[in-house]
Amino acid sequence: MAKNLEVSFLLDFYGEMLTEKQREAVELYYFEDLSLSEIADNQGISRQGVRDAIKRSEALLFDMEERLGLAKRFRQMQDGLQVILSAAQAIEDYNSRYGYSSEVHNQVAAIKRTAQKLCD
């Protein structure tokens, strides 16, 4: 994953653990695509101060992910749910082609509903 996307993703998980100024600088830099100078003017600090705050924030985000692994676990769960949905669809297709069972259909529908809820 590209660094910009990775930092944005980690910010969703750990952004509340940053100070308000750190979070604001990172959000302006990554989400609003503002330059360091523009952020410096906005926050009333030097360009170097903004750069340092962003670098420090990035390091904190990556450190928290390394220690807690919440974003990694979330990705694994999303991938697993996609496998579950694909398998449920395959079972439903098989059930339709080779001797339809309403019980199998109902169970597959329940699996798909539950997995889809968890994906949203």
Protein backbone atom coordinates (compact mmCIF):
# COMPACT_ATOMS: atom_id res chain seq x y z
CA MET A 1 0.00 0.00 0.00
CA ALA A 2 1.33 3.48 -0.87
CA LYS A 3 2.49 5.51 2.10
CA ASN A 4 -0.22 8.16 1.65
CA LEU A 5 -2.94 5.52 1.69
CA GLU A 6 -1.35 3.67 4.58
CA VAL A 7 -1.08 6.82 6.72
CA SER A 8 -4.69 7.73 5.87
CA PHE A 9 -5.82 4.22 6.82
CA LEU A 10 -3.87 4.27 10.09
CA LEU A 11 -5.24 7.70 10.90
CA ASP A 12 -8.74 6.18 10.84
CA PHE A 13 -7.68 3.70 13.51
CA TYR A 14 -5.31 5.71 15.67
CA GLY A 15 -5.97 9.37 14.84
CA GLU A 16 -7.66 10.03 18.17
CA MET A 17 -4.40 9.12 19.92
CA LEU A 18 -2.60 12.05 18.30
CA THR A 19 -2.80 15.57 19.65
CA GLU A 20 -5.31 17.83 17.97
CA LYS A 21 -2.51 19.79 16.25
CA GLN A 22 -0.79 16.63 15.03
CA ARG A 23 -4.01 15.17 13.70
CA GLU A 24 -4.96 18.43 12.02
CA ALA A 25 -1.56 18.74 10.32
CA VAL A 26 -1.68 15.15 9.04
CA GLU A 27 -5.26 15.52 7.83
CA LEU A 28 -4.49 18.78 6.02
CA TYR A 29 -1.40 17.27 4.44
CA TYR A 30 -2.87 13.92 3.39
CA PHE A 31 -6.59 14.59 2.97
CA GLU A 32 -6.64 18.22 1.85
CA ASP A 33 -3.34 17.98 -0.08
CA LEU A 34 -2.07 21.25 1.40
CA SER A 35 1.61 22.08 1.24
CA LEU A 36 3.75 22.37 4.35
CA SER A 37 3.82 26.16 3.86
CA GLU A 38 0.03 26.35 3.64
CA ILE A 39 -0.36 24.27 6.79
CA ALA A 40 2.27 26.39 8.55
CA ASP A 41 0.34 29.56 7.70
CA ASN A 42 -2.90 27.92 8.86
CA GLN A 43 -1.44 26.74 12.18
CA GLY A 44 0.79 29.74 12.83
CA ILE A 45 4.02 27.72 13.03
CA SER A 46 7.07 27.29 10.83
CA ARG A 47 7.17 25.04 7.79
CA GLN A 48 9.82 22.96 9.59
CA GLY A 49 7.53 22.69 12.63
CA VAL A 50 4.77 21.30 10.40
CA ARG A 51 7.15 18.84 8.77
CA ASP A 52 8.39 17.67 12.17
CA ALA A 53 4.81 17.31 13.47
CA ILE A 54 3.80 15.24 10.42
CA LYS A 55 6.89 13.01 10.63
CA ARG A 56 6.40 12.51 14.37
CA SER A 57 2.72 11.71 13.80
CA GLU A 58 3.52 9.22 11.04
CA ALA A 59 6.04 7.51 13.31
CA LEU A 60 3.46 7.31 16.11
CA LEU A 61 0.81 5.88 13.77
CA PHE A 62 3.14 3.20 12.43
CA ASP A 63 4.38 2.40 15.94
CA MET A 64 0.84 2.00 17.25
CA GLU A 65 -0.01 -0.29 14.34
CA GLU A 66 3.10 -2.36 14.97
CA ARG A 67 2.20 -2.73 18.63
CA LEU A 68 -1.59 -3.15 18.34
CA GLY A 69 -2.13 -4.43 14.80
CA LEU A 70 -5.72 -3.19 14.57
CA ALA A 71 -5.51 -2.13 10.93
CA LYS A 72 -3.88 -5.42 9.93
CA ARG A 73 -6.55 -7.36 11.78
CA PHE A 74 -9.27 -5.28 10.13
CA ARG A 75 -7.84 -6.05 6.67
CA GLN A 76 -7.67 -9.75 7.52
CA MET A 77 -11.27 -9.73 8.65
CA GLN A 78 -12.40 -7.92 5.49
CA ASP A 79 -10.52 -10.43 3.33
CA GLY A 80 -11.98 -13.33 5.32
CA LEU A 81 -15.49 -11.97 4.95
CA GLN A 82 -15.02 -11.77 1.19
CA VAL A 83 -13.96 -15.44 1.18
CA ILE A 84 -17.04 -16.31 3.24
CA LEU A 85 -19.32 -14.41 0.84
CA SER A 86 -17.74 -16.12 -2.19
CA ALA A 87 -18.07 -19.56 -0.59
CA ALA A 88 -21.69 -18.89 0.34
CA GLN A 89 -22.42 -17.88 -3.25
CA ALA A 90 -20.75 -21.05 -4.53
CA ILE A 91 -22.86 -23.16 -2.15
CA GLU A 92 -26.00 -21.37 -3.28
CA ASP A 93 -25.10 -21.93 -6.94
CA TYR A 94 -24.41 -25.61 -6.28
CA ASN A 95 -27.68 -25.92 -4.38
CA SER A 96 -29.59 -24.40 -7.30
CA ARG A 97 -28.00 -26.69 -9.87
CA TYR A 98 -27.97 -30.01 -8.00
CA GLY A 99 -31.15 -30.63 -6.05
CA TYR A 100 -32.46 -27.47 -4.44
CA SER A 101 -32.82 -27.51 -0.64
CA SER A 102 -34.73 -24.68 1.04
CA GLU A 103 -32.80 -25.34 4.29
CA VAL A 104 -29.45 -24.88 2.50
CA HIS A 105 -30.84 -21.78 0.78
CA ASN A 106 -31.99 -20.28 4.10
CA GLN A 107 -28.68 -21.01 5.84
CA VAL A 108 -26.68 -19.54 2.96
CA ALA A 109 -28.88 -16.43 3.01
CA ALA A 110 -28.22 -16.04 6.76
CA ILE A 111 -24.47 -16.40 6.22
CA LYS A 112 -24.52 -13.84 3.42
CA ARG A 113 -26.60 -11.33 5.43
CA THR A 114 -24.33 -11.61 8.44
CA ALA A 115 -21.11 -11.35 6.42
CA GLN A 116 -22.47 -8.38 4.45
CA LYS A 117 -23.40 -6.56 7.68
CA LEU A 118 -19.85 -7.04 8.93
CA CYS A 119 -18.42 -5.74 5.64
CA ASP A 120 -20.37 -2.47 5.79
